[in-house]
C-alpha cells in the first residue's frame, strides 16, 4: 500500500515537472540561431519566481521519491533476474570424465571400405 502511494506520487511529480518545464520560456527564447542578443542572457529574468521554485520543488520531490522507491524495492522482497536462477550444489571434488563405452575405430583402412581393391 505504501509502495503504491509513493509510486503514484512519483508519477504525478514526473508528469507535473514535464508540464511545468514545457510551460516556462527558455533562457534564450528571443535569440536567433546565428547570434544576437547573447549579452542579455545573464541579466534577463527567466520567468516568475513561483515557476522556478515550483520546478525546483518538483525536482527535489522526484529525486526523493526515486531514492525512496529504490530503497523500498530492495527491502520489499522483490526479486531480481539473478535470484530466479536455480543454485547449483558445489562439487566436493572434481570428478574424472567417464570412459567412453564405444570401442575405438581401427587405425588402418579395411578392404571393404577401400574401392581401389575391388
N, C-alpha and C. Protein backbone atom coordinates (compact mmCIF):
# COMPACT_ATOMS: atom_id res chain seq x y z
N UNK A 1 0.82 -1.19 0.00
CA UNK A 1 0.00 0.00 0.00
C UNK A 1 0.87 1.26 0.00
N UNK A 2 1.87 1.30 0.89
CA UNK A 2 2.76 2.46 0.99
C UNK A 2 3.61 2.60 -0.27
N UNK A 3 4.06 1.47 -0.80
CA UNK A 3 4.87 1.47 -2.03
C UNK A 3 4.05 2.02 -3.19
N UNK A 4 2.78 1.64 -3.28
CA UNK A 4 1.91 2.11 -4.35
C UNK A 4 1.66 3.61 -4.23
N UNK A 5 1.51 4.11 -3.01
CA UNK A 5 1.30 5.54 -2.78
C UNK A 5 2.52 6.35 -3.21
N UNK A 6 3.69 5.89 -2.84
CA UNK A 6 4.93 6.59 -3.22
C UNK A 6 5.11 6.54 -4.74
N UNK A 7 4.77 5.41 -5.34
CA UNK A 7 4.89 5.29 -6.80
C UNK A 7 3.93 6.26 -7.50
N UNK A 8 2.72 6.41 -6.97
CA UNK A 8 1.75 7.35 -7.55
C UNK A 8 2.24 8.79 -7.42
N UNK A 9 2.80 9.14 -6.27
CA UNK A 9 3.35 10.49 -6.07
C UNK A 9 4.51 10.72 -7.04
N UNK A 10 5.32 9.71 -7.25
CA UNK A 10 6.46 9.81 -8.17
C UNK A 10 5.98 10.07 -9.60
N UNK A 11 4.97 9.34 -10.04
CA UNK A 11 4.46 9.51 -11.40
C UNK A 11 3.82 10.89 -11.57
N UNK A 12 3.07 11.35 -10.57
CA UNK A 12 2.46 12.68 -10.64
C UNK A 12 3.54 13.75 -10.67
N UNK A 13 4.59 13.59 -9.89
CA UNK A 13 5.69 14.56 -9.89
C UNK A 13 6.38 14.58 -11.25
N UNK A 14 6.55 13.41 -11.87
CA UNK A 14 7.17 13.35 -13.20
C UNK A 14 6.33 14.11 -14.22
N UNK A 15 5.04 13.83 -14.24
CA UNK A 15 4.17 14.48 -15.22
C UNK A 15 4.07 15.99 -14.99
N UNK A 16 3.96 16.41 -13.73
CA UNK A 16 3.90 17.84 -13.44
C UNK A 16 5.19 18.55 -13.80
N UNK A 17 6.34 17.89 -13.55
CA UNK A 17 7.61 18.51 -13.87
C UNK A 17 7.76 18.67 -15.38
N UNK A 18 7.33 17.69 -16.15
CA UNK A 18 7.37 17.82 -17.62
C UNK A 18 6.51 18.99 -18.06
N UNK A 19 5.30 19.09 -17.52
CA UNK A 19 4.38 20.15 -17.89
C UNK A 19 4.92 21.53 -17.51
N UNK A 20 5.44 21.67 -16.30
CA UNK A 20 5.94 22.97 -15.83
C UNK A 20 7.16 23.40 -16.62
N UNK A 21 8.05 22.47 -16.94
CA UNK A 21 9.25 22.83 -17.71
C UNK A 21 8.86 23.25 -19.12
N UNK A 22 7.88 22.58 -19.70
CA UNK A 22 7.47 22.96 -21.05
C UNK A 22 6.73 24.29 -21.08
N UNK A 23 6.08 24.66 -20.00
CA UNK A 23 5.37 25.94 -19.95
C UNK A 23 6.30 27.13 -19.76
N UNK A 24 7.47 26.91 -19.22
CA UNK A 24 8.40 28.01 -18.97
C UNK A 24 9.03 28.46 -20.27
N UNK A 25 9.32 29.76 -20.34
CA UNK A 25 10.04 30.26 -21.51
C UNK A 25 11.51 29.95 -21.33
N UNK A 26 12.18 29.67 -22.42
CA UNK A 26 13.59 29.35 -22.36
C UNK A 26 14.43 30.56 -22.05
N UNK A 27 15.64 30.32 -21.63
CA UNK A 27 16.55 31.41 -21.31
C UNK A 27 16.89 32.20 -22.56
N UNK A 28 17.00 31.54 -23.68
CA UNK A 28 17.32 32.22 -24.93
C UNK A 28 16.14 32.22 -25.88
N UNK A 29 14.95 32.47 -25.37
CA UNK A 29 13.75 32.38 -26.19
C UNK A 29 13.75 33.39 -27.32
N UNK A 30 14.37 34.55 -27.16
CA UNK A 30 14.36 35.56 -28.20
C UNK A 30 15.59 35.53 -29.09
N UNK A 31 16.48 34.59 -28.88
CA UNK A 31 17.72 34.55 -29.65
C UNK A 31 17.48 33.97 -31.04
N UNK A 32 18.22 34.46 -31.99
CA UNK A 32 18.19 33.85 -33.31
C UNK A 32 19.22 32.73 -33.36
N UNK A 33 19.20 31.94 -34.40
CA UNK A 33 20.07 30.77 -34.49
C UNK A 33 21.53 31.18 -34.62
N UNK A 34 21.81 32.23 -35.38
CA UNK A 34 23.20 32.59 -35.67
C UNK A 34 23.70 33.78 -34.86
N UNK A 35 23.17 34.00 -33.68
CA UNK A 35 23.70 35.05 -32.82
C UNK A 35 22.69 36.14 -32.56
N UNK A 36 23.14 37.12 -31.79
CA UNK A 36 22.28 38.25 -31.47
C UNK A 36 21.61 38.07 -30.13
N UNK A 37 21.73 39.05 -29.30
CA UNK A 37 21.07 39.03 -28.00
C UNK A 37 21.78 38.19 -26.96
N UNK A 38 22.97 37.76 -27.20
CA UNK A 38 23.69 36.91 -26.26
C UNK A 38 24.11 37.63 -25.00
N UNK A 39 24.29 38.95 -25.09
CA UNK A 39 24.70 39.70 -23.91
C UNK A 39 23.59 39.85 -22.89
N UNK A 40 22.35 39.70 -23.32
CA UNK A 40 21.23 39.86 -22.39
C UNK A 40 20.86 38.56 -21.68
N UNK A 41 21.56 37.51 -21.94
CA UNK A 41 21.24 36.22 -21.30
C UNK A 41 21.45 36.27 -19.79
N UNK A 42 22.49 36.93 -19.36
CA UNK A 42 22.84 36.91 -17.94
C UNK A 42 21.89 37.78 -17.13
N UNK A 43 21.47 38.92 -17.67
CA UNK A 43 20.66 39.84 -16.89
C UNK A 43 19.16 39.65 -17.06
N UNK A 44 18.73 38.87 -18.04
CA UNK A 44 17.31 38.71 -18.30
C UNK A 44 16.69 37.72 -17.32
N UNK A 45 15.59 38.11 -16.65
CA UNK A 45 14.91 37.13 -15.80
C UNK A 45 14.25 36.06 -16.65
N UNK A 46 14.17 34.85 -16.14
CA UNK A 46 13.69 33.73 -16.94
C UNK A 46 12.31 33.27 -16.52
N UNK A 47 11.48 34.13 -16.05
CA UNK A 47 10.14 33.72 -15.67
C UNK A 47 9.85 34.10 -14.24
N UNK A 48 8.67 33.73 -13.80
CA UNK A 48 8.28 34.10 -12.44
C UNK A 48 9.04 33.26 -11.42
N UNK A 49 9.18 33.82 -10.26
CA UNK A 49 9.88 33.09 -9.21
C UNK A 49 9.06 31.89 -8.74
N UNK A 50 7.71 32.01 -8.87
CA UNK A 50 6.87 30.88 -8.49
C UNK A 50 7.17 29.66 -9.36
N UNK A 51 7.28 29.87 -10.68
CA UNK A 51 7.55 28.75 -11.60
C UNK A 51 8.92 28.12 -11.33
N UNK A 52 9.90 28.96 -11.06
CA UNK A 52 11.24 28.43 -10.76
C UNK A 52 11.24 27.65 -9.46
N UNK A 53 10.58 28.18 -8.44
CA UNK A 53 10.52 27.49 -7.15
C UNK A 53 9.71 26.20 -7.25
N UNK A 54 8.62 26.24 -8.01
CA UNK A 54 7.79 25.05 -8.18
C UNK A 54 8.56 23.96 -8.92
N UNK A 55 9.32 24.34 -9.95
CA UNK A 55 10.13 23.38 -10.69
C UNK A 55 11.21 22.78 -9.78
N UNK A 56 11.83 23.61 -8.97
CA UNK A 56 12.86 23.12 -8.05
C UNK A 56 12.25 22.16 -7.02
N UNK A 57 11.06 22.50 -6.52
CA UNK A 57 10.38 21.61 -5.57
C UNK A 57 10.01 20.28 -6.20
N UNK A 58 9.51 20.32 -7.44
CA UNK A 58 9.17 19.07 -8.13
C UNK A 58 10.41 18.22 -8.41
N UNK A 59 11.52 18.89 -8.75
CA UNK A 59 12.76 18.15 -8.99
C UNK A 59 13.25 17.49 -7.70
N UNK A 60 13.13 18.19 -6.59
CA UNK A 60 13.51 17.61 -5.29
C UNK A 60 12.60 16.45 -4.91
N UNK A 61 11.29 16.60 -5.16
CA UNK A 61 10.35 15.52 -4.88
C UNK A 61 10.63 14.31 -5.75
N UNK A 62 10.96 14.56 -7.02
CA UNK A 62 11.31 13.47 -7.93
C UNK A 62 12.55 12.72 -7.45
N UNK A 63 13.58 13.45 -7.04
CA UNK A 63 14.80 12.82 -6.54
C UNK A 63 14.53 12.02 -5.27
N UNK A 64 13.75 12.60 -4.35
CA UNK A 64 13.44 11.91 -3.10
C UNK A 64 12.66 10.62 -3.34
N UNK A 65 11.61 10.71 -4.18
CA UNK A 65 10.82 9.50 -4.43
C UNK A 65 11.61 8.46 -5.21
N UNK A 66 12.51 8.89 -6.07
CA UNK A 66 13.35 7.92 -6.79
C UNK A 66 14.22 7.12 -5.83
N UNK A 67 14.87 7.83 -4.92
CA UNK A 67 15.73 7.16 -3.94
C UNK A 67 14.90 6.30 -2.99
N UNK A 68 13.77 6.82 -2.56
CA UNK A 68 12.91 6.09 -1.62
C UNK A 68 12.33 4.83 -2.25
N UNK A 69 11.92 4.92 -3.53
CA UNK A 69 11.40 3.73 -4.22
C UNK A 69 12.49 2.69 -4.41
N UNK A 70 13.71 3.13 -4.65
CA UNK A 70 14.82 2.19 -4.77
C UNK A 70 15.06 1.46 -3.46
N UNK A 71 15.05 2.19 -2.35
CA UNK A 71 15.25 1.57 -1.05
C UNK A 71 14.10 0.62 -0.70
N UNK A 72 12.87 1.02 -0.99
CA UNK A 72 11.73 0.16 -0.69
C UNK A 72 11.71 -1.10 -1.54
N UNK A 73 12.10 -0.98 -2.79
CA UNK A 73 12.06 -2.15 -3.66
C UNK A 73 13.09 -3.20 -3.26
N UNK A 74 14.21 -2.76 -2.71
CA UNK A 74 15.22 -3.74 -2.28
C UNK A 74 14.82 -4.44 -1.00
N UNK A 75 13.96 -3.82 -0.20
CA UNK A 75 13.55 -4.41 1.07
C UNK A 75 12.17 -5.06 1.02
N UNK A 76 11.44 -4.86 -0.05
CA UNK A 76 10.07 -5.35 -0.13
C UNK A 76 9.99 -6.80 -0.59
N UNK A 77 11.10 -7.46 -0.74
CA UNK A 77 11.09 -8.85 -1.16
C UNK A 77 10.97 -9.03 -2.66
N UNK A 78 11.16 -7.95 -3.39
CA UNK A 78 11.13 -8.07 -4.84
C UNK A 78 12.40 -8.77 -5.29
N UNK A 79 12.28 -9.60 -6.29
CA UNK A 79 13.44 -10.38 -6.72
C UNK A 79 13.98 -9.83 -8.03
N UNK A 80 15.24 -10.08 -8.25
CA UNK A 80 15.86 -9.69 -9.50
C UNK A 80 15.95 -10.90 -10.41
N UNK A 81 16.47 -10.69 -11.58
CA UNK A 81 16.59 -11.78 -12.55
C UNK A 81 17.55 -12.85 -12.04
N UNK A 82 18.62 -12.43 -11.38
CA UNK A 82 19.62 -13.40 -10.93
C UNK A 82 19.13 -14.24 -9.76
N UNK A 83 18.15 -13.76 -9.02
CA UNK A 83 17.66 -14.56 -7.90
C UNK A 83 16.74 -15.69 -8.36
N UNK A 84 16.28 -15.64 -9.61
CA UNK A 84 15.40 -16.70 -10.13
C UNK A 84 16.18 -17.88 -10.70
N UNK A 85 17.48 -17.74 -10.89
CA UNK A 85 18.31 -18.82 -11.44
C UNK A 85 18.54 -19.84 -10.33
N UNK A 86 18.27 -21.13 -10.60
CA UNK A 86 18.47 -22.12 -9.55
C UNK A 86 19.95 -22.26 -9.19
N UNK A 87 20.19 -22.41 -7.92
CA UNK A 87 21.56 -22.55 -7.42
C UNK A 87 22.02 -23.98 -7.59
N UNK A 88 23.24 -24.17 -8.04
CA UNK A 88 23.82 -25.50 -8.16
C UNK A 88 24.59 -25.81 -6.89
N UNK A 89 24.51 -27.09 -6.47
CA UNK A 89 25.26 -27.51 -5.29
C UNK A 89 26.74 -27.53 -5.63
N UNK A 90 27.58 -27.02 -4.75
CA UNK A 90 29.01 -27.02 -5.04
C UNK A 90 29.57 -28.44 -5.03
N UNK A 91 30.40 -28.74 -6.00
CA UNK A 91 31.02 -30.07 -6.09
C UNK A 91 32.12 -30.18 -5.04
N UNK A 92 32.16 -31.34 -4.35
CA UNK A 92 33.16 -31.51 -3.30
C UNK A 92 34.55 -31.71 -3.89
N UNK A 93 34.65 -32.46 -4.96
CA UNK A 93 35.93 -32.66 -5.62
C UNK A 93 35.66 -32.85 -7.11
N UNK A 94 36.55 -32.37 -7.95
CA UNK A 94 36.33 -32.57 -9.38
C UNK A 94 36.44 -34.06 -9.73
N UNK A 95 35.51 -34.52 -10.53
CA UNK A 95 35.49 -35.92 -10.92
C UNK A 95 36.06 -36.08 -12.32
N UNK A 96 36.71 -37.22 -12.55
CA UNK A 96 37.25 -37.52 -13.88
C UNK A 96 36.10 -37.88 -14.81
N UNK A 97 36.19 -37.54 -16.09
CA UNK A 97 35.11 -37.89 -17.01
C UNK A 97 34.99 -39.41 -17.17
N UNK A 98 33.79 -39.88 -17.37
CA UNK A 98 33.55 -41.32 -17.53
C UNK A 98 34.19 -41.79 -18.83
N UNK A 99 34.78 -43.00 -18.83
CA UNK A 99 35.40 -43.51 -20.06
C UNK A 99 34.33 -43.80 -21.11
N UNK A 100 34.72 -43.68 -22.35
CA UNK A 100 33.80 -43.90 -23.46
C UNK A 100 33.45 -45.38 -23.56
N UNK A 101 32.18 -45.68 -23.79
CA UNK A 101 31.71 -47.06 -23.87
C UNK A 101 31.86 -47.64 -25.26
N UNK A 102 32.11 -46.83 -26.28
CA UNK A 102 32.25 -47.33 -27.64
C UNK A 102 33.68 -47.79 -27.89
N UNK A 103 33.85 -48.89 -28.64
CA UNK A 103 35.22 -49.34 -28.96
C UNK A 103 35.87 -48.36 -29.94
N UNK A 104 37.18 -48.32 -29.88
CA UNK A 104 37.92 -47.43 -30.76
C UNK A 104 37.86 -47.93 -32.19
N UNK A 105 37.86 -47.02 -33.16
CA UNK A 105 37.84 -47.39 -34.58
C UNK A 105 39.20 -47.95 -34.97
N UNK A 106 39.25 -48.89 -35.94
CA UNK A 106 40.54 -49.43 -36.38
C UNK A 106 41.40 -48.34 -37.01
N UNK A 107 42.70 -48.47 -36.84
CA UNK A 107 43.63 -47.46 -37.31
C UNK A 107 43.77 -47.48 -38.82
N UNK A 108 43.84 -48.67 -39.44
CA UNK A 108 44.06 -48.77 -40.88
C UNK A 108 42.77 -48.91 -41.65
N UNK A 109 42.81 -48.69 -42.99
CA UNK A 109 41.61 -48.86 -43.80
C UNK A 109 41.29 -50.34 -43.99
N UNK A 110 40.03 -50.68 -44.01
CA UNK A 110 39.64 -52.07 -44.22
C UNK A 110 39.45 -52.31 -45.71
N UNK A 111 39.48 -53.56 -46.10
CA UNK A 111 39.36 -53.91 -47.54
C UNK A 111 37.95 -53.68 -48.03
N UNK A 112 36.95 -53.71 -47.17
CA UNK A 112 35.58 -53.49 -47.61
C UNK A 112 35.30 -52.03 -47.89
N UNK A 113 36.01 -51.16 -47.25
CA UNK A 113 35.75 -49.74 -47.44
C UNK A 113 36.62 -49.14 -48.53
N UNK A 114 37.64 -49.84 -48.99
CA UNK A 114 38.57 -49.32 -49.99
C UNK A 114 38.09 -49.71 -51.38
N UNK A 115 37.62 -48.81 -52.21
CA UNK A 115 37.11 -49.16 -53.54
C UNK A 115 38.22 -49.50 -54.54
N UNK A 116 39.46 -49.21 -54.26
CA UNK A 116 40.55 -49.48 -55.19
C UNK A 116 40.82 -50.98 -55.31
N UNK A 117 40.64 -51.79 -54.25
CA UNK A 117 40.93 -53.21 -54.25
C UNK A 117 39.87 -54.02 -54.96
N UNK A 118 38.76 -53.51 -55.35
CA UNK A 118 37.70 -54.28 -55.98
C UNK A 118 37.96 -54.57 -57.40
